[in-house]
PDB file of N, CA and C in Angstrom:
ATOM      1  N   MET A   1       0.824  -1.103  -0.022  1.00  0.00           N
ATOM      2  CA  MET A   1       0.017   0.025   0.011  1.00  0.00           C
ATOM      3  C   MET A   1       0.833   1.194  -0.013  1.00  0.00           C
ATOM      4  N   ILE A   2       2.008   1.190   0.586  1.00  0.00           N
ATOM      5  CA  ILE A   2       2.898   2.417   0.676  1.00  0.00           C
ATOM      6  C   ILE A   2       3.385   2.667  -0.789  1.00  0.00           C
ATOM      7  N   ARG A   3       3.813   1.584  -1.463  1.00  0.00           N
ATOM      8  CA  ARG A   3       4.309   1.812  -2.824  1.00  0.00           C
ATOM      9  C   ARG A   3       3.170   2.296  -3.728  1.00  0.00           C
ATOM     10  N   ARG A   4       1.885   1.779  -3.475  1.00  0.00           N
ATOM     11  CA  ARG A   4       0.788   2.290  -4.331  1.00  0.00           C
ATOM     12  C   ARG A   4       0.504   3.775  -4.124  1.00  0.00           C
ATOM     13  N   HIS A   5       0.739   4.341  -2.949  1.00  0.00           N
ATOM     14  CA  HIS A   5       0.379   5.692  -2.672  1.00  0.00           C
ATOM     15  C   HIS A   5       1.573   6.698  -2.691  1.00  0.00           C
ATOM     16  N   SER A   6       2.683   6.107  -2.617  1.00  0.00           N
ATOM     17  CA  SER A   6       3.940   6.932  -2.586  1.00  0.00           C
ATOM     18  C   SER A   6       4.128   7.793  -3.853  1.00  0.00           C
ATOM     19  N   ARG A   7       4.594   8.977  -3.622  1.00  0.00           N
ATOM     20  CA  ARG A   7       4.938   9.896  -4.758  1.00  0.00           C
ATOM     21  C   ARG A   7       6.428   9.683  -5.229  1.00  0.00           C
ATOM     22  N   SER A   8       7.154   8.915  -4.469  1.00  0.00           N
ATOM     23  CA  SER A   8       8.506   8.671  -4.737  1.00  0.00           C
ATOM     24  C   SER A   8       8.677   7.184  -5.294  1.00  0.00           C
ATOM     25  N   ARG A   9       8.332   7.094  -6.593  1.00  0.00           N
ATOM     26  CA  ARG A   9       8.322   5.769  -7.184  1.00  0.00           C
ATOM     27  C   ARG A   9       9.621   5.053  -7.134  1.00  0.00           C
ATOM     28  N   SER A  10      10.766   5.794  -7.100  1.00  0.00           N
ATOM     29  CA  SER A  10      12.039   5.184  -7.117  1.00  0.00           C
ATOM     30  C   SER A  10      12.612   4.842  -5.682  1.00  0.00           C
ATOM     31  N   TYR A  11      11.750   5.100  -4.722  1.00  0.00           N
ATOM     32  CA  TYR A  11      12.096   4.794  -3.380  1.00  0.00           C
ATOM     33  C   TYR A  11      12.785   3.371  -3.205  1.00  0.00           C
ATOM     34  N   ASP A  12      13.911   3.313  -2.533  1.00  0.00           N
ATOM     35  CA  ASP A  12      14.540   1.986  -2.339  1.00  0.00           C
ATOM     36  C   ASP A  12      14.670   1.838  -0.827  1.00  0.00           C
ATOM     37  N   PRO A  13      13.871   0.908  -0.236  1.00  0.00           N
ATOM     38  CA  PRO A  13      13.932   0.709   1.245  1.00  0.00           C
ATOM     39  C   PRO A  13      15.282   0.127   1.661  1.00  0.00           C
ATOM     40  N   ASP A  14      16.065  -0.440   0.737  1.00  0.00           N
ATOM     41  CA  ASP A  14      17.387  -1.048   1.122  1.00  0.00           C
ATOM     42  C   ASP A  14      18.500  -0.051   1.008  1.00  0.00           C
ATOM     43  N   PHE A  15      18.174   1.199   0.634  1.00  0.00           N
ATOM     44  CA  PHE A  15      19.281   2.134   0.420  1.00  0.00           C
ATOM     45  C   PHE A  15      20.032   2.362   1.714  1.00  0.00           C
ATOM     46  N   SER A  16      21.273   2.503   1.708  1.00  0.00           N
ATOM     47  CA  SER A  16      22.154   2.787   2.818  1.00  0.00           C
ATOM     48  C   SER A  16      23.076   4.007   2.527  1.00  0.00           C
ATOM     49  N   LEU A  17      22.999   5.127   3.141  1.00  0.00           N
ATOM     50  CA  LEU A  17      23.764   6.188   2.911  1.00  0.00           C
ATOM     51  C   LEU A  17      25.278   5.821   3.258  1.00  0.00           C
ATOM     52  N   VAL A  18      25.484   5.243   4.407  1.00  0.00           N
ATOM     53  CA  VAL A  18      26.909   4.720   4.622  1.00  0.00           C
ATOM     54  C   VAL A  18      27.437   3.898   3.540  1.00  0.00           C
ATOM     55  N   GLU A  19      26.683   2.962   3.105  1.00  0.00           N
ATOM     56  CA  GLU A  19      27.213   2.170   1.938  1.00  0.00           C
ATOM     57  C   GLU A  19      27.469   2.951   0.611  1.00  0.00           C
ATOM     58  N   ALA A  20      26.545   3.963   0.367  1.00  0.00           N
ATOM     59  CA  ALA A  20      26.719   4.740  -0.856  1.00  0.00           C
ATOM     60  C   ALA A  20      27.968   5.614  -0.590  1.00  0.00           C
ATOM     61  N   LEU A  21      28.255   6.199   0.516  1.00  0.00           N
ATOM     62  CA  LEU A  21      29.404   6.973   0.701  1.00  0.00           C
ATOM     63  C   LEU A  21      30.696   6.158   0.600  1.00  0.00           C
ATOM     64  N   ARG A  22      30.607   4.930   1.246  1.00  0.00           N
ATOM     65  CA  ARG A  22      31.778   4.051   1.150  1.00  0.00           C
ATOM     66  C   ARG A  22      32.069   3.647  -0.248  1.00  0.00           C
ATOM     67  N   ALA A  23      31.014   3.258  -1.022  1.00  0.00           N
ATOM     68  CA  ALA A  23      31.136   2.788  -2.403  1.00  0.00           C
ATOM     69  C   ALA A  23      31.558   3.915  -3.314  1.00  0.00           C
ATOM     70  N   GLY A  24      31.274   5.192  -2.975  1.00  0.00           N
ATOM     71  CA  GLY A  24      31.736   6.283  -3.798  1.00  0.00           C
ATOM     72  C   GLY A  24      33.110   6.709  -3.492  1.00  0.00           C
ATOM     73  N   GLY A  25      33.822   6.161  -2.430  1.00  0.00           N
ATOM     74  CA  GLY A  25      35.073   6.481  -1.998  1.00  0.00           C
ATOM     75  C   GLY A  25      35.133   7.787  -1.174  1.00  0.00           C
ATOM     76  N   PHE A  26      33.961   8.073  -0.448  1.00  0.00           N
ATOM     77  CA  PHE A  26      33.955   9.278   0.314  1.00  0.00           C
ATOM     78  C   PHE A  26      34.128   9.000   1.907  1.00  0.00           C
ATOM     79  N   LEU A  27      33.953   7.721   2.266  1.00  0.00           N
ATOM     80  CA  LEU A  27      33.962   7.342   3.682  1.00  0.00           C
ATOM     81  C   LEU A  27      34.655   6.084   4.001  1.00  0.00           C
ATOM     82  N   THR A  28      35.373   5.980   5.026  1.00  0.00           N
ATOM     83  CA  THR A  28      36.034   4.808   5.497  1.00  0.00           C
ATOM     84  C   THR A  28      35.171   4.516   6.832  1.00  0.00           C
ATOM     85  N   PRO A  29      34.356   3.481   6.739  1.00  0.00           N
ATOM     86  CA  PRO A  29      33.466   3.093   7.990  1.00  0.00           C
ATOM     87  C   PRO A  29      34.503   2.717   9.169  1.00  0.00           C
ATOM     88  N   ALA A  30      34.162   3.167  10.413  1.00  0.00           N
ATOM     89  CA  ALA A  30      34.963   2.808  11.435  1.00  0.00           C
ATOM     90  C   ALA A  30      34.200   2.024  12.578  1.00  0.00           C
ATOM     91  N   GLY A  31      32.887   2.111  12.546  1.00  0.00           N
ATOM     92  CA  GLY A  31      32.103   1.447  13.492  1.00  0.00           C
ATOM     93  C   GLY A  31      30.638   1.474  13.330  1.00  0.00           C
ATOM     94  N   HIS A  32      29.971   0.646  14.051  1.00  0.00           N
ATOM     95  CA  HIS A  32      28.559   0.541  14.007  1.00  0.00           C
ATOM     96  C   HIS A  32      28.021  -0.102  15.266  1.00  0.00           C
ATOM     97  N   VAL A  33      26.915   0.549  15.689  1.00  0.00           N
ATOM     98  CA  VAL A  33      26.294   0.033  16.966  1.00  0.00           C
ATOM     99  C   VAL A  33      24.790   0.306  16.883  1.00  0.00           C
ATOM    100  N   SER A  34      24.089  -0.716  17.477  1.00  0.00           N
ATOM    101  CA  SER A  34      22.568  -0.531  17.645  1.00  0.00           C
ATOM    102  C   SER A  34      22.206  -0.622  19.080  1.00  0.00           C
ATOM    103  N   THR A  35      21.303   0.174  19.478  1.00  0.00           N
ATOM    104  CA  THR A  35      20.847   0.072  20.888  1.00  0.00           C
ATOM    105  C   THR A  35      19.916  -1.126  21.139  1.00  0.00           C
ATOM    106  N   GLU A  36      19.711  -1.355  22.379  1.00  0.00           N
ATOM    107  CA  GLU A  36      18.807  -2.466  22.789  1.00  0.00           C
ATOM    108  C   GLU A  36      17.376  -1.834  22.416  1.00  0.00           C
ATOM    109  N   PRO A  37      16.482  -2.742  22.058  1.00  0.00           N
ATOM    110  CA  PRO A  37      15.127  -2.271  21.877  1.00  0.00           C
ATOM    111  C   PRO A  37      14.475  -1.644  23.002  1.00  0.00           C
ATOM    112  N   VAL A  38      13.715  -0.589  22.717  1.00  0.00           N
ATOM    113  CA  VAL A  38      12.923   0.075  23.688  1.00  0.00           C
ATOM    114  C   VAL A  38      11.557   0.077  23.210  1.00  0.00           C
ATOM    115  N   LEU A  39      10.568  -0.296  24.157  1.00  0.00           N
ATOM    116  CA  LEU A  39       9.217  -0.385  23.712  1.00  0.00           C
ATOM    117  C   LEU A  39       8.652   0.973  23.643  1.00  0.00           C
ATOM    118  N   PHE A  40       7.928   1.206  22.502  1.00  0.00           N
ATOM    119  CA  PHE A  40       7.241   2.562  22.209  1.00  0.00           C
ATOM    120  C   PHE A  40       5.855   2.316  21.999  1.00  0.00           C
ATOM    121  N   ARG A  41       5.030   3.069  22.719  1.00  0.00           N
ATOM    122  CA  ARG A  41       3.533   2.905  22.560  1.00  0.00           C
ATOM    123  C   ARG A  41       2.893   4.115  21.881  1.00  0.00           C
ATOM    124  N   GLN A  42       2.118   3.930  20.880  1.00  0.00           N
ATOM    125  CA  GLN A  42       1.588   4.944  20.023  1.00  0.00           C
ATOM    126  C   GLN A  42       0.098   4.520  19.650  1.00  0.00           C
ATOM    127  N   THR A  43      -0.669   5.630  19.530  1.00  0.00           N
ATOM    128  CA  THR A  43      -2.074   5.318  18.984  1.00  0.00           C
ATOM    129  C   THR A  43      -1.999   4.986  17.485  1.00  0.00           C
ATOM    130  N   VAL A  44      -2.894   4.192  17.166  1.00  0.00           N
ATOM    131  CA  VAL A  44      -2.989   3.775  15.653  1.00  0.00           C
ATOM    132  C   VAL A  44      -3.203   5.013  14.852  1.00  0.00           C
ATOM    133  N   ASP A  45      -3.888   6.057  15.252  1.00  0.00           N
ATOM    134  CA  ASP A  45      -4.093   7.237  14.535  1.00  0.00           C
ATOM    135  C   ASP A  45      -2.736   7.961  14.276  1.00  0.00           C
ATOM    136  N   ASP A  46      -1.986   8.061  15.365  1.00  0.00           N
ATOM    137  CA  ASP A  46      -0.710   8.642  15.337  1.00  0.00           C
ATOM    138  C   ASP A  46       0.251   7.957  14.409  1.00  0.00           C
ATOM    139  N   TYR A  47       0.188   6.602  14.415  1.00  0.00           N
ATOM    140  CA  TYR A  47       0.961   5.745  13.542  1.00  0.00           C
ATOM    141  C   TYR A  47       0.621   6.081  12.111  1.00  0.00           C
ATOM    142  N   VAL A  48      -0.607   6.072  11.772  1.00  0.00           N
ATOM    143  CA  VAL A  48      -0.966   6.351  10.417  1.00  0.00           C
ATOM    144  C   VAL A  48      -0.517   7.791  10.124  1.00  0.00           C
ATOM    145  N   GLU A  49      -0.715   8.716  10.952  1.00  0.00           N
ATOM    146  CA  GLU A  49      -0.354  10.127  10.615  1.00  0.00           C
ATOM    147  C   GLU A  49       1.140  10.310  10.387  1.00  0.00           C
ATOM    148  N   GLN A  50       2.019   9.544  11.051  1.00  0.00           N
ATOM    149  CA  GLN A  50       3.480   9.667  10.803  1.00  0.00           C
ATOM    150  C   GLN A  50       3.948   9.327   9.450  1.00  0.00           C
ATOM    151  N   PHE A  51       3.112   8.475   8.706  1.00  0.00           N
ATOM    152  CA  PHE A  51       3.355   8.377   7.312  1.00  0.00           C
ATOM    153  C   PHE A  51       3.199   9.555   6.495  1.00  0.00           C
ATOM    154  N   HIS A  52       2.262  10.334   6.909  1.00  0.00           N
ATOM    155  CA  HIS A  52       1.932  11.625   6.136  1.00  0.00           C
ATOM    156  C   HIS A  52       2.976  12.721   6.405  1.00  0.00           C
ATOM    157  N   SER A  53       3.851  12.396   7.368  1.00  0.00           N
ATOM    158  CA  SER A  53       4.865  13.389   7.684  1.00  0.00           C
ATOM    159  C   SER A  53       6.067  13.190   6.681  1.00  0.00           C
ATOM    160  N   THR A  54       6.100  12.182   5.884  1.00  0.00           N
ATOM    161  CA  THR A  54       7.122  11.988   4.874  1.00  0.00           C
ATOM    162  C   THR A  54       6.823  12.687   3.565  1.00  0.00           C
ATOM    163  N   ALA A  55       7.842  13.110   2.881  1.00  0.00           N
ATOM    164  CA  ALA A  55       7.605  13.739   1.540  1.00  0.00           C
ATOM    165  C   ALA A  55       6.865  12.889   0.625  1.00  0.00           C
ATOM    166  N   SER A  56       7.101  11.615   0.552  1.00  0.00           N
ATOM    167  CA  SER A  56       6.421  10.712  -0.445  1.00  0.00           C
ATOM    168  C   SER A  56       4.937  10.495  -0.118  1.00  0.00           C
ATOM    169  N   LEU A  57       4.504  10.585   1.099  1.00  0.00           N
ATOM    170  CA  LEU A  57       3.182  10.305   1.434  1.00  0.00           C
ATOM    171  C   LEU A  57       2.478  11.447   2.072  1.00  0.00           C
ATOM    172  N   ALA A  58       2.994  12.701   1.858  1.00  0.00           N
ATOM    173  CA  ALA A  58       2.362  13.851   2.442  1.00  0.00           C
ATOM    174  C   ALA A  58       0.891  14.121   1.904  1.00  0.00           C
ATOM    175  N   ARG A  59       0.092  14.429   2.954  1.00  0.00           N
ATOM    176  CA  ARG A  59      -1.287  14.626   2.487  1.00  0.00           C
ATOM    177  C   ARG A  59      -1.546  15.728   1.353  1.00  0.00           C
ATOM    178  N   GLU A  60      -0.636  16.685   1.401  1.00  0.00           N
ATOM    179  CA  GLU A  60      -0.708  17.711   0.278  1.00  0.00           C
ATOM    180  C   GLU A  60      -0.607  17.141  -1.117  1.00  0.00           C
ATOM    181  N   HIS A  61      -0.105  15.939  -1.255  1.00  0.00           N
ATOM    182  CA  HIS A  61       0.042  15.324  -2.520  1.00  0.00           C
ATOM    183  C   HIS A  61      -0.892  14.303  -2.835  1.00  0.00           C
ATOM    184  N   MET A  62      -1.882  14.116  -1.963  1.00  0.00           N
ATOM    185  CA  MET A  62      -3.072  13.103  -2.048  1.00  0.00           C
ATOM    186  C   MET A  62      -4.376  13.901  -2.144  1.00  0.00           C
ATOM    187  N   THR A  63      -5.313  13.251  -2.832  1.00  0.00           N
ATOM    188  CA  THR A  63      -6.527  13.824  -2.730  1.00  0.00           C
ATOM    189  C   THR A  63      -7.228  13.373  -1.356  1.00  0.00           C
ATOM    190  N   PRO A  64      -8.226  13.968  -0.831  1.00  0.00           N
ATOM    191  CA  PRO A  64      -8.767  13.600   0.438  1.00  0.00           C
ATOM    192  C   PRO A  64      -9.250  12.156   0.402  1.00  0.00           C
ATOM    193  N   GLU A  65      -9.729  11.619  -0.765  1.00  0.00           N
ATOM    194  CA  GLU A  65     -10.200  10.224  -0.893  1.00  0.00           C
ATOM    195  C   GLU A  65      -9.038   9.297  -0.791  1.00  0.00           C
ATOM    196  N   GLU A  66      -7.922   9.668  -1.466  1.00  0.00           N
ATOM    197  CA  GLU A  66      -6.700   8.827  -1.481  1.00  0.00           C
ATOM    198  C   GLU A  66      -6.155   8.674  -0.095  1.00  0.00           C
ATOM    199  N   ALA A  67      -6.145   9.858   0.674  1.00  0.00           N
ATOM    200  CA  ALA A  67      -5.528   9.832   2.023  1.00  0.00           C
ATOM    201  C   ALA A  67      -6.416   9.061   2.916  1.00  0.00           C
ATOM    202  N   ALA A  68      -7.776   9.063   2.754  1.00  0.00           N
ATOM    203  CA  ALA A  68      -8.638   8.173   3.539  1.00  0.00           C
ATOM    204  C   ALA A  68      -8.459   6.777   3.226  1.00  0.00           C
ATOM    205  N   GLU A  69      -8.312   6.428   1.936  1.00  0.00           N
ATOM    206  CA  GLU A  69      -8.091   5.015   1.595  1.00  0.00           C
ATOM    207  C   GLU A  69      -6.748   4.553   2.108  1.00  0.00           C
ATOM    208  N   PHE A  70      -5.731   5.339   2.016  1.00  0.00           N
ATOM    209  CA  PHE A  70      -4.450   4.917   2.636  1.00  0.00           C
ATOM    210  C   PHE A  70      -4.491   4.726   4.109  1.00  0.00           C
ATOM    211  N   GLY A  71      -5.133   5.650   4.786  1.00  0.00           N
ATOM    212  CA  GLY A  71      -5.328   5.545   6.217  1.00  0.00           C
ATOM    213  C   GLY A  71      -6.066   4.196   6.611  1.00  0.00           C
ATOM    214  N   ALA A  72      -7.234   3.904   5.864  1.00  0.00           N
ATOM    215  CA  ALA A  72      -7.876   2.734   6.193  1.00  0.00           C
ATOM    216  C   ALA A  72      -7.069   1.484   5.905  1.00  0.00           C
ATOM    217  N   SER A  73      -6.298   1.458   4.812  1.00  0.00           N
ATOM    218  CA  SER A  73      -5.473   0.328   4.536  1.00  0.00           C
ATOM    219  C   SER A  73      -4.458   0.014   5.616  1.00  0.00           C
ATOM    220  N   ILE A  74      -3.812   1.137   6.130  1.00  0.00           N
ATOM    221  CA  ILE A  74      -2.812   1.064   7.205  1.00  0.00           C
ATOM    222  C   ILE A  74      -3.554   0.461   8.501  1.00  0.00           C
ATOM    223  N   ARG A  75      -4.620   1.089   8.846  1.00  0.00           N
ATOM    224  CA  ARG A  75      -5.353   0.641  10.022  1.00  0.00           C
ATOM    225  C   ARG A  75      -5.725  -0.829  10.017  1.00  0.00           C
ATOM    226  N   ALA A  76      -6.224  -1.311   8.764  1.00  0.00           N
ATOM    227  CA  ALA A  76      -6.527  -2.679   8.589  1.00  0.00           C
ATOM    228  C   ALA A  76      -5.288  -3.554   8.681  1.00  0.00           C
ATOM    229  N   ALA A  77      -4.126  -3.128   8.279  1.00  0.00           N
ATOM    230  CA  ALA A  77      -2.928  -3.822   8.206  1.00  0.00           C
ATOM    231  C   ALA A  77      -2.372  -4.064   9.714  1.00  0.00           C
ATOM    232  N   VAL A  78      -2.556  -3.044  10.567  1.00  0.00           N
ATOM    233  CA  VAL A  78      -2.058  -3.100  11.914  1.00  0.00           C
ATOM    234  C   VAL A  78      -3.059  -3.536  12.893  1.00  0.00           C
ATOM    235  N   ALA A  79      -4.323  -3.747  12.595  1.00  0.00           N
ATOM    236  CA  ALA A  79      -5.392  -4.146  13.486  1.00  0.00           C
ATOM    237  C   ALA A  79      -5.040  -5.336  14.300  1.00  0.00           C
ATOM    238  N   PRO A  80      -4.482  -6.327  13.730  1.00  0.00           N
ATOM    239  CA  PRO A  80      -4.209  -7.637  14.487  1.00  0.00           C
ATOM    240  C   PRO A  80      -3.240  -7.319  15.657  1.00  0.00           C
ATOM    241  N   TRP A  81      -2.447  -6.277  15.556  1.00  0.00           N
ATOM    242  CA  TRP A  81      -1.429  -6.029  16.594  1.00  0.00           C
ATOM    243  C   TRP A  81      -1.833  -4.851  17.582  1.00  0.00           C
ATOM    244  N   SER A  82      -3.018  -4.258  17.317  1.00  0.00           N
ATOM    245  CA  SER A  82      -3.373  -3.221  18.170  1.00  0.00           C
ATOM    246  C   SER A  82      -4.225  -3.618  19.432  1.00  0.00           C
ATOM    247  N   GLN A  83      -3.981  -2.899  20.456  1.00  0.00           N
ATOM    248  CA  GLN A  83      -4.764  -3.138  21.676  1.00  0.00           C
ATOM    249  C   GLN A  83      -5.263  -1.856  22.183  1.00  0.00           C
ATOM    250  N   ASP A  84      -6.535  -1.714  22.370  1.00  0.00           N
ATOM    251  CA  ASP A  84      -7.140  -0.440  22.898  1.00  0.00           C
ATOM    252  C   ASP A  84      -6.774   0.754  22.016  1.00  0.00           C
ATOM    253  N   ALA A  85      -6.729   0.559  20.614  1.00  0.00           N
ATOM    254  CA  ALA A  85      -6.428   1.535  19.690  1.00  0.00           C
ATOM    255  C   ALA A  85      -4.947   2.055  19.737  1.00  0.00           C
ATOM    256  N   HIS A  86      -4.039   1.213  20.287  1.00  0.00           N
ATOM    257  CA  HIS A  86      -2.681   1.562  20.485  1.00  0.00           C
ATOM    258  C   HIS A  86      -1.819   0.344  19.844  1.00  0.00           C
ATOM    259  N   LEU A  87      -0.562   0.721  19.469  1.00  0.00           N
ATOM    260  CA  LEU A  87       0.427  -0.216  18.986  1.00  0.00           C
ATOM    261  C   LEU A  87       1.621  -0.036  19.961  1.00  0.00           C
ATOM    262  N   GLU A  88       2.188  -1.243  20.242  1.00  0.00           N
ATOM    263  CA  GLU A  88       3.468  -1.234  20.970  1.00  0.00           C
ATOM    264  C   GLU A  88       4.464  -1.783  20.053  1.00  0.00           C
ATOM    265  N   MET A  89       5.615  -1.069  19.836  1.00  0.00           N
ATOM    266  CA  MET A  89       6.620  -1.373  18.842  1.00  0.00           C
ATOM    267  C   MET A  89       7.970  -1.290  19.537  1.00  0.00           C
ATOM    268  N   PRO A  90       8.819  -2.216  19.266  1.00  0.00           N
ATOM    269  CA  PRO A  90      10.195  -2.053  19.723  1.00  0.00           C
ATOM    270  C   PRO A  90      10.903  -1.033  18.782  1.00  0.00           C
ATOM    271  N   VAL A  91      11.687  -0.026  19.348  1.00  0.00           N
ATOM    272  CA  VAL A  91      12.497   0.889  18.603  1.00  0.00           C
ATOM    273  C   VAL A  91      13.894   0.544  18.841  1.00  0.00           C
ATOM    274  N   VAL A  92      14.662   0.651  17.864  1.00  0.00           N
ATOM    275  CA  VAL A  92      16.162   0.533  17.908  1.00  0.00           C
ATOM    276  C   VAL A  92      16.822   1.534  17.120  1.00  0.00           C
ATOM    277  N   ALA A  93      17.728   2.224  17.755  1.00  0.00           N
ATOM    278  CA  ALA A  93      18.603   3.207  17.024  1.00  0.00           C
ATOM    279  C   ALA A  93      19.925   2.702  16.528  1.00  0.00           C
ATOM    280  N   THR A  94      20.267   2.982  15.383  1.00  0.00           N
ATOM    281  CA  THR A  94      21.514   2.526  14.756  1.00  0.00           C
ATOM    282  C   THR A  94      22.411   3.618  14.361  1.00  0.00           C
ATOM    283  N   VAL A  95      23.720   3.582  14.879  1.00  0.00           N
ATOM    284  CA  VAL A  95      24.644   4.728  14.593  1.00  0.00           C
ATOM    285  C   VAL A  95      25.823   4.032  13.869  1.00  0.00           C
ATOM    286  N   ASP A  96      26.189   4.694  12.689  1.00  0.00           N
ATOM    287  CA  ASP A  96      27.394   4.317  12.018  1.00  0.00           C
ATOM    288  C   ASP A  96      28.303   5.488  12.075  1.00  0.00           C
ATOM    289  N   TRP A  97      29.699   5.310  12.007  1.00  0.00           N
ATOM    290  CA  TRP A  97      30.550   6.332  11.991  1.00  0.00           C
ATOM    291  C   TRP A  97      31.767   5.952  11.207  1.00  0.00           C
ATOM    292  N   GLY A  98      32.541   6.983  10.731  1.00  0.00           N
ATOM    293  CA  GLY A  98      33.771   6.676  10.013  1.00  0.00           C
ATOM    294  C   GLY A  98      34.566   7.878   9.772  1.00  0.00           C
ATOM    295  N   ARG A  99      35.542   7.760   8.921  1.00  0.00           N
ATOM    296  CA  ARG A  99      36.422   8.986   8.482  1.00  0.00           C
ATOM    297  C   ARG A  99      36.092   9.370   7.181  1.00  0.00           C
ATOM    298  N   PRO A 100      35.837  10.671   6.909  1.00  0.00           N
ATOM    299  CA  PRO A 100      35.635  11.114   5.541  1.00  0.00           C
ATOM    300  C   PRO A 100      36.981  10.990   4.774  1.00  0.00           C
ATOM    301  N   ILE A 101      36.861  10.703   3.523  1.00  0.00           N
ATOM    302  CA  ILE A 101      37.932  10.650   2.590  1.00  0.00           C
ATOM    303  C   ILE A 101      37.914  11.998   1.765  1.00  0.00           C
ATOM    304  N   LEU A 102      38.832  12.855   2.052  1.00  0.00           N
ATOM    305  CA  LEU A 102      38.880  14.117   1.391  1.00  0.00           C
ATOM    306  C   LEU A 102      39.688  14.036   0.113  1.00  0.00           C
ATOM    307  N   GLY A 103      39.085  14.526  -1.018  1.00  0.00           N
ATOM    308  CA  GLY A 103      39.777  14.380  -2.265  1.00  0.00           C
ATOM    309  C   GLY A 103      40.612  15.574  -2.467  1.00  0.00           C
TER     310      GLY A 103
END
Protein backbone atom coordinates (compact mmCIF):
# COMPACT_ATOMS: atom_id res chain seq x y z
CA MET A 1 0.00 0.00 0.00
CA ILE A 2 2.89 2.39 0.64
CA ARG A 3 4.31 1.80 -2.84
CA ARG A 4 0.83 2.29 -4.34
CA HIS A 5 0.37 5.69 -2.65
CA SER A 6 3.97 6.94 -2.57
CA ARG A 7 4.97 9.89 -4.75
CA SER A 8 8.55 8.64 -4.74
CA ARG A 9 8.31 5.74 -7.19
CA SER A 10 12.06 5.18 -7.14
CA TYR A 11 12.18 4.78 -3.32
CA ASP A 12 14.57 2.00 -2.34
CA PRO A 13 13.93 0.70 1.20
CA ASP A 14 17.33 -1.04 1.15
CA PHE A 15 19.30 2.17 0.41
CA SER A 16 22.16 2.80 2.84
CA LEU A 17 23.79 6.22 2.93
CA VAL A 18 26.85 4.78 4.66
CA GLU A 19 27.22 2.13 1.94
CA ALA A 20 26.75 4.73 -0.81
CA LEU A 21 29.43 6.97 0.72
CA ARG A 22 31.78 4.00 1.14
CA ALA A 23 31.18 2.78 -2.42
CA GLY A 24 31.72 6.29 -3.77
CA GLY A 25 35.07 6.54 -2.02
CA PHE A 26 33.95 9.25 0.39
CA LEU A 27 33.96 7.37 3.72
CA THR A 28 35.99 4.77 5.52
CA PRO A 29 33.57 3.16 7.98
CA ALA A 30 35.00 2.79 11.49
CA GLY A 31 32.13 1.43 13.54
CA HIS A 32 28.51 0.52 13.92
CA VAL A 33 26.31 0.06 16.97
CA SER A 34 22.63 -0.55 17.64
CA THR A 35 20.83 0.13 20.88
CA GLU A 36 18.80 -2.42 22.75
CA PRO A 37 15.12 -2.30 21.78
CA VAL A 38 12.94 0.11 23.76
CA LEU A 39 9.19 -0.41 23.75
CA PHE A 40 7.28 2.53 22.22
CA ARG A 41 3.51 2.88 22.58
CA GLN A 42 1.59 4.94 20.03
CA THR A 43 -2.04 5.34 19.00
CA VAL A 44 -3.02 3.79 15.69
CA ASP A 45 -4.11 7.24 14.49
CA ASP A 46 -0.67 8.69 15.30
CA TYR A 47 0.96 5.73 13.58
CA VAL A 48 -1.04 6.42 10.42
CA GLU A 49 -0.32 10.14 10.66
CA GLN A 50 3.45 9.64 10.84
CA PHE A 51 3.39 8.29 7.29
CA HIS A 52 1.90 11.60 6.15
CA SER A 53 4.90 13.42 7.66
CA THR A 54 7.12 12.00 4.92
CA ALA A 55 7.61 13.75 1.59
CA SER A 56 6.44 10.80 -0.46
CA LEU A 57 3.18 10.29 1.46
CA ALA A 58 2.33 13.87 2.43
CA ARG A 59 -1.37 14.68 2.54
CA GLU A 60 -0.71 17.71 0.32
CA HIS A 61 0.09 15.33 -2.53
CA MET A 62 -3.01 13.15 -2.09
CA THR A 63 -6.66 13.76 -2.72
CA PRO A 64 -8.79 13.54 0.44
CA GLU A 65 -10.21 10.25 -0.88
CA GLU A 66 -6.74 8.79 -1.46
CA ALA A 67 -5.56 9.87 2.02
CA ALA A 68 -8.64 8.24 3.56
CA GLU A 69 -8.07 5.03 1.56
CA PHE A 70 -4.41 4.98 2.59
CA GLY A 71 -5.32 5.48 6.27
CA ALA A 72 -7.94 2.74 6.14
CA SER A 73 -5.42 0.36 4.53
CA ILE A 74 -2.81 1.02 7.22
CA ARG A 75 -5.39 0.67 10.02
CA ALA A 76 -6.55 -2.68 8.59
CA ALA A 77 -2.96 -3.90 8.25
CA VAL A 78 -2.05 -3.14 11.88
CA ALA A 79 -5.40 -4.09 13.46
CA PRO A 80 -4.22 -7.59 14.48
CA TRP A 81 -1.43 -6.01 16.57
CA SER A 82 -3.35 -3.15 18.15
CA GLN A 83 -4.77 -3.15 21.66
CA ASP A 84 -7.11 -0.41 22.88
CA ALA A 85 -6.39 1.55 19.64
CA HIS A 86 -2.64 1.51 20.42
CA LEU A 87 0.40 -0.22 19.00
CA GLU A 88 3.46 -1.24 20.99
CA MET A 89 6.61 -1.43 18.92
CA PRO A 90 10.23 -2.02 19.78
CA VAL A 91 12.42 0.88 18.61
CA VAL A 92 16.13 0.44 17.90
CA ALA A 93 18.58 3.23 17.05
CA THR A 94 21.53 2.45 14.80
CA VAL A 95 24.63 4.64 14.57
CA ASP A 96 27.41 4.29 12.00
CA TRP A 97 30.56 6.38 11.97
CA GLY A 98 33.75 6.68 10.03
CA ARG A 99 36.38 8.93 8.55
CA PRO A 100 35.66 11.09 5.54
CA ILE A 101 37.94 10.65 2.57
CA LEU A 102 38.88 14.09 1.40
CA GLY A 103 39.79 14.40 -2.27
